[in-house]
Amino acid sequence: ESIGNGARYTYYVTPATTAGSAGCVTLPGVATSAIDRCITSVGLVNGVRRRLQTRVVSQPTIPAFNQVGLIGKSLVYAYNAAKLISDVGSNEQVIFHNSVNVEDNAAIDVDGKVMILTGGTYTYANSVKIDGGTQTITTPFDLTTPDFEAVEATPTANNNAALPNSVFEGGSAGRALRRFQLGVDSSPGEYTMPPGTYHFCNVRLGNSVKWRFSHTGGARTRIFVDSPSRPGSICAGPPAQADPAGTFTADNSVEINKEVGEREELLDIYMYGTAYNDTRPNYPWCEPIHQPNEAATCKSDFMLDNSVNLYGGVYAPNSSIQAHNSTKIWGALAADKLLFFNSVDFTLTGEMKGRPGEGSGAAQRRGWAECRPVPTVSTDPESGC
């Protein structure tokens, strides 16, 4: 195509196959994949020719976990009086003990079934009821990692600049803290957040906190909780501190996205996950549960403790989502593990289930190089790079 002033360009894109991008430029230390594409661009200006080649891969989109409601890739565990109005899915294990009910909702086409990948196990004990029964599936739940790099940069990629200093601590000594806090230290106990995309390294909600969302114009709010475990992440902080980087925690009597229409379909929380999920020291503010048959510690990357109300979706493919003691959730959850202890209620709502999908992902560059002006093989426009 012509772009004026005697300048023209041509580009070639390979299919997303291993063979299609086999000869494409690579970047040392960066793995290639079968879904890579090779883009070779040729520019010609007043008789001078230059060629550039880039290897790219489409970022995976977040799967439609809102269609299932509850997905624990390796484990879904519920203990002691859990009410789950949803379908439940896992690749490996579902374990229900002591008065767990998985209920249907015909109005929104929810069967209340347990879906287990071939080879996985479902075990139960003591008054467990599954309205939709169990179903063996052959396609695994593939929970891909969201694109955190795309929302990390400021100020164009996120709306962090809109937050007051009273709730948000930006950075220190060249490394970002990016802590969002309510009811902790000198931060207020209530805050209403405008719609947008936010990039945090830590979210800490203390006692009796009310975190509201304005939902102006029906716009969605996306919160990305990044982690030092992600290569190249700006986040920093030791894993054992009171508010460790890469975590989302809520203490007693916390309300998240309540009182403004409870628009759960407009709030999404994405977790990258840490290397210390379920192995870090107990959060000092969280009291472990000690039952005759169960000891539940407080070590998960995403932790809701004691009478928390949450309206929204949480996507944590590399983490555990854990809820204790009279916690109520409306929306959808997907994680490596879902852990529910003592009177946890979950409801997949029609608004969340009917929400449109995420759409196509962005393209990530895996390497580029300038090529020889003319291909070394006349029939191969990508040769000579």
Protein backbone atom coordinates (compact mmCIF):
# COMPACT_ATOMS: atom_id res chain seq x y z
CA GLU A 1 0.00 0.00 0.00
CA SER A 2 1.05 3.58 -0.59
CA ILE A 3 1.42 6.03 2.30
CA GLY A 4 2.37 9.01 0.13
CA ASN A 5 5.58 10.87 -0.74
CA GLY A 6 6.93 7.89 -2.67
CA ALA A 7 6.69 5.51 0.32
CA ARG A 8 5.09 2.07 0.14
CA TYR A 9 4.90 -0.95 2.41
CA THR A 10 4.01 -4.64 2.19
CA TYR A 11 3.61 -7.13 5.01
CA TYR A 12 3.29 -10.91 5.28
CA VAL A 13 1.72 -12.84 8.19
CA THR A 14 2.16 -16.58 8.66
CA PRO A 15 -0.58 -18.92 9.90
CA ALA A 16 -0.56 -19.70 13.63
CA THR A 17 1.20 -23.03 13.21
CA THR A 18 4.57 -24.38 14.27
CA ALA A 19 5.61 -24.83 10.65
CA GLY A 20 4.35 -21.38 9.66
CA SER A 21 6.65 -19.49 12.04
CA ALA A 22 9.50 -22.01 12.13
CA GLY A 23 11.97 -19.72 10.35
CA CYS A 24 10.94 -16.54 12.09
CA VAL A 25 13.24 -14.44 14.25
CA THR A 26 13.58 -15.52 17.89
CA LEU A 27 14.66 -13.75 21.08
CA PRO A 28 17.29 -15.50 23.22
CA GLY A 29 15.76 -16.95 26.37
CA VAL A 30 12.16 -16.45 25.19
CA ALA A 31 10.26 -19.63 24.39
CA THR A 32 8.35 -20.01 21.13
CA SER A 33 4.99 -21.71 20.76
CA ALA A 34 2.81 -23.36 18.17
CA ILE A 35 0.49 -20.34 18.08
CA ASP A 36 3.22 -17.81 17.23
CA ARG A 37 2.81 -15.78 14.07
CA CYS A 38 5.57 -14.20 12.00
CA ILE A 39 5.05 -10.70 10.61
CA THR A 40 7.54 -9.52 7.97
CA SER A 41 7.17 -5.89 6.91
CA VAL A 42 8.86 -4.39 3.84
CA GLY A 43 9.17 -0.64 3.40
CA LEU A 44 10.21 1.07 0.17
CA VAL A 45 10.95 4.81 0.09
CA ASN A 46 12.41 6.41 -3.05
CA GLY A 47 14.10 3.15 -4.03
CA VAL A 48 15.51 2.36 -0.56
CA ARG A 49 14.20 -0.94 0.85
CA ARG A 50 14.17 -2.08 4.50
CA ARG A 51 12.64 -5.19 6.05
CA LEU A 52 11.68 -5.87 9.65
CA GLN A 53 10.46 -9.14 11.13
CA THR A 54 8.53 -9.66 14.37
CA ARG A 55 7.46 -12.86 16.09
CA VAL A 56 4.18 -12.37 17.98
CA VAL A 57 1.66 -14.51 19.86
CA SER A 58 -1.93 -13.69 20.66
CA GLN A 59 -2.45 -13.22 24.37
CA PRO A 60 -5.01 -15.79 25.54
CA THR A 61 -8.37 -14.37 26.43
CA ILE A 62 -9.88 -15.06 29.84
CA PRO A 63 -12.26 -18.03 29.52
CA ALA A 64 -15.97 -17.65 30.13
CA PHE A 65 -15.82 -18.92 33.71
CA ASN A 66 -19.00 -16.94 34.40
CA GLN A 67 -20.90 -19.61 32.46
CA VAL A 68 -20.02 -22.23 35.10
CA GLY A 69 -19.92 -20.09 38.24
CA LEU A 70 -17.37 -21.97 40.34
CA ILE A 71 -14.17 -23.43 38.85
CA GLY A 72 -11.29 -24.79 40.92
CA LYS A 73 -8.75 -26.06 38.41
CA SER A 74 -7.12 -28.49 40.84
CA LEU A 75 -9.56 -28.41 43.78
CA VAL A 76 -12.98 -27.25 44.94
CA TYR A 77 -13.37 -27.81 48.67
CA ALA A 78 -16.34 -26.88 50.85
CA TYR A 79 -16.69 -27.72 54.52
CA ASN A 80 -19.55 -27.17 56.95
CA ALA A 81 -22.81 -25.58 55.78
CA ALA A 82 -22.02 -24.27 52.29
CA LYS A 83 -24.83 -23.25 49.93
CA LEU A 84 -23.69 -23.02 46.31
CA ILE A 85 -26.31 -21.92 43.76
CA SER A 86 -24.16 -22.66 40.75
CA ASP A 87 -22.50 -25.33 38.69
CA VAL A 88 -19.12 -26.51 40.00
CA GLY A 89 -16.15 -27.63 37.89
CA SER A 90 -12.67 -29.06 38.45
CA ASN A 91 -10.00 -30.94 36.54
CA GLU A 92 -8.83 -32.92 39.57
CA GLN A 93 -10.85 -32.89 42.80
CA VAL A 94 -14.15 -31.81 44.31
CA ILE A 95 -14.52 -32.51 48.04
CA PHE A 96 -17.66 -31.67 50.03
CA HIS A 97 -18.05 -32.36 53.76
CA ASN A 98 -20.84 -31.57 56.24
CA SER A 99 -24.07 -30.04 54.94
CA VAL A 100 -22.99 -28.81 51.52
CA ASN A 101 -25.75 -28.07 49.00
CA VAL A 102 -25.15 -27.42 45.29
CA GLU A 103 -28.44 -25.99 44.04
CA ASP A 104 -30.01 -25.32 40.66
CA ASN A 105 -31.67 -22.18 39.35
CA ALA A 106 -33.86 -22.96 36.36
CA ALA A 107 -34.53 -19.26 35.73
CA ILE A 108 -30.94 -18.77 34.51
CA ASP A 109 -30.27 -22.32 33.27
CA VAL A 110 -28.10 -23.42 36.19
CA ASP A 111 -28.35 -27.16 36.86
CA GLY A 112 -26.48 -27.27 40.15
CA LYS A 113 -24.14 -29.99 38.83
CA VAL A 114 -20.59 -31.05 39.61
CA MET A 115 -18.38 -31.38 36.51
CA ILE A 116 -15.19 -33.44 36.83
CA LEU A 117 -12.60 -34.05 34.11
CA THR A 118 -12.04 -37.68 33.19
CA GLY A 119 -9.69 -39.13 35.80
CA GLY A 120 -10.65 -36.61 38.48
CA THR A 121 -12.40 -37.49 41.74
CA TYR A 122 -15.49 -36.36 43.63
CA THR A 123 -15.79 -37.28 47.31
CA TYR A 124 -18.35 -36.30 49.92
CA ALA A 125 -19.47 -37.04 53.46
CA ASN A 126 -22.30 -36.06 55.85
CA SER A 127 -25.45 -34.55 54.31
CA VAL A 128 -24.28 -33.42 50.88
CA LYS A 129 -26.90 -32.66 48.20
CA ILE A 130 -26.15 -32.05 44.49
CA ASP A 131 -29.27 -31.02 42.55
CA GLY A 132 -27.76 -31.62 39.12
CA GLY A 133 -25.73 -34.73 39.95
CA THR A 134 -22.21 -35.34 38.70
CA GLN A 135 -20.99 -35.13 35.12
CA THR A 136 -17.74 -36.38 33.59
CA ILE A 137 -16.23 -33.96 31.07
CA THR A 138 -13.47 -34.56 28.52
CA THR A 139 -12.27 -30.98 27.92
CA PRO A 140 -10.23 -29.57 30.82
CA PHE A 141 -10.82 -26.19 32.38
CA ASP A 142 -7.94 -24.15 30.95
CA LEU A 143 -7.41 -21.05 33.08
CA THR A 144 -4.87 -18.93 31.23
CA THR A 145 -2.98 -16.09 32.91
CA PRO A 146 -4.29 -12.56 32.20
CA ASP A 147 -2.12 -9.94 30.49
CA PHE A 148 -0.75 -7.95 33.43
CA GLU A 149 2.00 -6.28 31.43
CA ALA A 150 -0.52 -4.40 29.32
CA VAL A 151 -2.04 -2.64 32.36
CA GLU A 152 1.13 -2.11 34.39
CA ALA A 153 2.45 1.06 32.73
CA THR A 154 1.20 4.48 33.83
CA PRO A 155 -0.57 6.69 33.17
CA THR A 156 -2.05 5.59 29.85
CA ALA A 157 -2.65 1.91 30.63
CA ASN A 158 -4.53 2.28 33.91
CA ASN A 159 -6.51 4.71 36.03
CA ASN A 160 -4.35 4.62 39.17
CA ALA A 161 -3.79 8.38 38.95
CA ALA A 162 -7.47 8.94 39.77
CA LEU A 163 -7.04 7.49 43.27
CA PRO A 164 -6.40 9.71 46.31
CA ASN A 165 -3.31 9.22 48.43
CA SER A 166 -5.50 8.30 51.37
CA VAL A 167 -6.27 4.89 49.83
CA PHE A 168 -3.41 4.35 47.38
CA GLU A 169 0.34 4.28 47.92
CA GLY A 170 2.11 4.49 44.61
CA GLY A 171 5.78 3.61 44.87
CA SER A 172 9.10 3.95 46.60
CA ALA A 173 12.82 3.73 45.75
CA GLY A 174 12.25 2.93 42.09
CA ARG A 175 10.08 -0.10 42.82
CA ALA A 176 6.32 0.12 43.09
CA LEU A 177 4.34 -0.71 46.20
CA ARG A 178 0.98 0.17 44.62
CA ARG A 179 -0.96 -0.72 47.74
CA PHE A 180 -4.70 -0.12 47.84
CA GLN A 181 -5.87 -0.06 51.47
CA LEU A 182 -9.08 0.66 53.36
CA GLY A 183 -9.44 0.52 57.12
CA VAL A 184 -5.71 -0.05 57.55
CA ASP A 185 -3.33 2.40 59.27
CA SER A 186 -4.62 5.89 58.43
CA SER A 187 -6.72 4.92 55.40
CA PRO A 188 -10.49 5.55 55.53
CA GLY A 189 -12.99 2.78 56.13
CA GLU A 190 -15.18 3.70 53.16
CA TYR A 191 -14.40 4.62 49.57
CA THR A 192 -16.28 4.79 46.25
CA MET A 193 -14.15 3.96 43.19
CA PRO A 194 -14.93 5.29 39.70
CA PRO A 195 -14.99 2.86 36.76
CA GLY A 196 -11.70 2.04 35.10
CA THR A 197 -8.74 -0.31 35.00
CA TYR A 198 -6.46 -0.39 38.04
CA HIS A 199 -3.09 -2.06 38.59
CA PHE A 200 -2.20 -2.88 42.20
CA CYS A 201 0.47 -4.95 43.89
CA ASN A 202 -1.60 -5.44 47.03
CA VAL A 203 -5.18 -4.93 48.21
CA ARG A 204 -5.77 -4.90 51.97
CA LEU A 205 -9.23 -4.34 53.47
CA GLY A 206 -9.47 -4.10 57.27
CA ASN A 207 -12.40 -4.41 59.67
CA SER A 208 -15.90 -3.11 58.78
CA VAL A 209 -14.78 -1.65 55.45
CA LYS A 210 -17.17 -0.54 52.69
CA TRP A 211 -15.60 -0.51 49.22
CA ARG A 212 -18.14 0.87 46.78
CA PHE A 213 -18.04 1.29 42.99
CA SER A 214 -19.93 4.07 41.23
CA HIS A 215 -20.57 2.14 37.97
CA THR A 216 -21.03 5.46 36.17
CA GLY A 217 -22.63 4.88 32.79
CA GLY A 218 -22.71 1.13 33.38
CA ALA A 219 -18.94 0.91 32.81
CA ARG A 220 -16.94 -2.03 34.14
CA THR A 221 -14.14 -1.82 36.68
CA ARG A 222 -11.16 -4.16 36.34
CA ILE A 223 -8.67 -4.59 39.16
CA PHE A 224 -5.39 -6.36 38.38
CA VAL A 225 -3.47 -7.56 41.45
CA ASP A 226 0.05 -8.14 40.15
CA SER A 227 2.84 -10.04 41.88
CA PRO A 228 6.63 -10.09 42.27
CA SER A 229 6.37 -13.66 41.00
CA ARG A 230 5.63 -12.39 37.50
CA PRO A 231 8.84 -11.96 35.48
CA GLY A 232 9.39 -8.26 34.84
CA SER A 233 6.73 -7.12 37.29
CA ILE A 234 7.17 -3.71 38.88
CA CYS A 235 5.76 -5.06 42.16
CA ALA A 236 8.08 -5.50 45.12
CA GLY A 237 7.79 -6.61 48.71
CA PRO A 238 8.65 -9.54 50.95
CA PRO A 239 6.10 -12.38 50.97
CA ALA A 240 5.74 -12.63 54.76
CA GLN A 241 4.87 -9.02 55.66
CA ALA A 242 1.45 -8.08 57.03
CA ASP A 243 0.24 -7.05 53.56
CA PRO A 244 2.36 -9.16 51.20
CA ALA A 245 2.67 -8.15 47.57
CA GLY A 246 0.53 -10.15 45.17
CA THR A 247 -2.37 -10.69 47.61
CA PHE A 248 -5.97 -9.56 48.10
CA THR A 249 -7.22 -9.83 51.68
CA ALA A 250 -10.36 -8.76 53.53
CA ASP A 251 -10.87 -9.00 57.29
CA ASN A 252 -14.11 -8.90 59.32
CA SER A 253 -17.47 -7.49 58.14
CA VAL A 254 -16.23 -6.15 54.81
CA GLU A 255 -18.59 -5.08 52.01
CA ILE A 256 -17.24 -5.09 48.45
CA ASN A 257 -19.39 -3.59 45.68
CA LYS A 258 -22.52 -3.41 47.80
CA GLU A 259 -25.05 -0.56 48.12
CA VAL A 260 -24.73 0.75 44.53
CA GLY A 261 -27.06 -1.67 42.81
CA GLU A 262 -24.89 -4.71 43.61
CA ARG A 263 -23.71 -4.75 39.98
CA GLU A 264 -21.55 -7.86 40.25
CA GLU A 265 -21.23 -8.12 36.46
CA LEU A 266 -19.38 -4.77 36.41
CA LEU A 267 -16.54 -5.71 38.78
CA ASP A 268 -13.66 -8.04 37.90
CA ILE A 269 -10.64 -8.85 40.05
CA TYR A 270 -7.68 -10.58 38.37
CA MET A 271 -4.87 -12.20 40.37
CA TYR A 272 -1.47 -13.16 38.95
CA GLY A 273 -0.64 -15.31 41.99
CA THR A 274 2.45 -15.76 44.13
CA ALA A 275 4.93 -18.53 44.84
CA TYR A 276 3.77 -18.44 48.48
CA ASN A 277 0.08 -19.24 47.95
CA ASP A 278 -1.09 -21.57 50.75
CA THR A 279 2.47 -21.85 52.13
CA ARG A 280 3.18 -18.36 53.55
CA PRO A 281 2.90 -17.67 57.29
CA ASN A 282 -0.65 -17.06 58.50
CA TYR A 283 -1.90 -13.53 58.02
CA PRO A 284 -1.54 -12.03 61.52
CA TRP A 285 -5.07 -10.60 61.50
CA CYS A 286 -6.74 -13.87 60.42
CA GLU A 287 -7.80 -16.50 62.96
CA PRO A 288 -7.37 -20.07 61.66
CA ILE A 289 -10.40 -22.33 61.90
CA HIS A 290 -10.06 -25.30 64.23
CA GLN A 291 -12.86 -27.83 63.94
CA PRO A 292 -12.92 -31.43 65.17
CA ASN A 293 -12.27 -32.65 61.63
CA GLU A 294 -10.68 -29.62 60.00
CA ALA A 295 -7.93 -27.04 60.50
CA ALA A 296 -8.14 -24.19 57.99
CA THR A 297 -5.17 -21.85 57.91
CA CYS A 298 -5.05 -18.30 56.47
CA LYS A 299 -2.40 -18.43 53.76
CA SER A 300 -4.14 -18.02 50.39
CA ASP A 301 -3.36 -15.25 47.89
CA PHE A 302 -7.06 -14.25 47.89
CA MET A 303 -8.48 -14.34 51.41
CA LEU A 304 -11.95 -13.40 52.69
CA ASP A 305 -12.40 -13.77 56.44
CA ASN A 306 -15.54 -13.50 58.59
CA SER A 307 -18.81 -12.02 57.29
CA VAL A 308 -17.53 -10.59 54.00
CA ASN A 309 -20.02 -9.70 51.26
CA LEU A 310 -18.60 -9.65 47.72
CA TYR A 311 -20.42 -8.82 44.49
CA GLY A 312 -18.19 -9.49 41.49
CA GLY A 313 -16.00 -11.87 39.53
CA VAL A 314 -12.61 -13.13 40.73
CA TYR A 315 -10.18 -14.82 38.34
CA ALA A 316 -7.08 -16.29 40.01
CA PRO A 317 -5.69 -19.13 37.83
CA ASN A 318 -2.50 -19.57 39.87
CA SER A 319 -3.92 -18.97 43.36
CA SER A 320 -6.41 -20.14 45.95
CA ILE A 321 -9.60 -18.22 46.64
CA GLN A 322 -10.47 -18.84 50.28
CA ALA A 323 -13.54 -17.76 52.26
CA HIS A 324 -14.31 -18.24 55.96
CA ASN A 325 -17.27 -17.88 58.32
CA SER A 326 -20.55 -16.47 56.97
CA THR A 327 -19.07 -15.06 53.77
CA LYS A 328 -21.53 -14.39 50.95
CA ILE A 329 -20.50 -14.04 47.30
CA TRP A 330 -22.58 -13.13 44.26
CA GLY A 331 -20.90 -13.43 40.86
CA ALA A 332 -18.37 -15.96 39.53
CA LEU A 333 -15.07 -17.43 40.75
CA ALA A 334 -12.26 -19.26 38.98
CA ALA A 335 -8.97 -20.25 40.59
CA ASP A 336 -6.50 -23.07 40.97
CA LYS A 337 -8.26 -23.89 44.26
CA LEU A 338 -11.55 -22.79 45.83
CA LEU A 339 -11.62 -23.27 49.62
CA PHE A 340 -14.83 -22.61 51.58
CA PHE A 341 -15.13 -23.10 55.35
CA ASN A 342 -18.15 -22.57 57.64
CA SER A 343 -21.40 -21.13 56.27
CA VAL A 344 -20.21 -19.80 52.92
CA ASP A 345 -22.95 -18.90 50.42
CA PHE A 346 -22.25 -18.45 46.72
CA THR A 347 -24.72 -17.43 44.00
CA LEU A 348 -24.11 -17.33 40.26
CA THR A 349 -26.41 -14.54 39.10
CA GLY A 350 -28.18 -14.10 35.79
CA GLU A 351 -26.42 -10.77 35.23
CA MET A 352 -23.01 -12.38 35.62
CA LYS A 353 -23.88 -15.47 33.59
CA GLY A 354 -25.27 -13.37 30.74
CA ARG A 355 -22.30 -11.03 30.51
CA PRO A 356 -20.55 -10.94 27.08
CA GLY A 357 -17.16 -12.59 26.73
CA GLU A 358 -13.84 -10.80 26.98
CA GLY A 359 -13.16 -10.79 23.22
CA SER A 360 -9.82 -11.17 21.49
CA GLY A 361 -6.58 -10.71 23.35
CA ALA A 362 -3.69 -8.44 22.45
CA ALA A 363 -0.57 -9.57 20.61
CA GLN A 364 2.64 -10.01 22.58
CA ARG A 365 5.96 -9.44 20.81
CA ARG A 366 8.44 -12.28 21.35
CA GLY A 367 11.30 -10.84 19.30
CA TRP A 368 12.15 -8.67 16.29
CA ALA A 369 15.06 -7.99 13.96
CA GLU A 370 15.98 -6.01 10.88
CA CYS A 371 16.44 -8.28 7.88
CA ARG A 372 18.46 -8.04 4.72
CA PRO A 373 16.76 -5.66 2.27
CA VAL A 374 16.00 -8.52 -0.15
CA PRO A 375 14.95 -12.10 0.75
CA THR A 376 17.67 -14.70 0.32
CA VAL A 377 15.11 -17.09 -1.20
CA SER A 378 13.00 -15.42 -3.88
CA THR A 379 9.96 -17.57 -3.13
CA ASP A 380 10.15 -17.00 0.64
CA PRO A 381 9.46 -13.36 1.64
CA GLU A 382 10.54 -14.12 5.24
CA SER A 383 14.00 -15.47 4.41
CA GLY A 384 17.21 -13.60 5.11
CA CYS A 385 16.33 -12.54 8.65
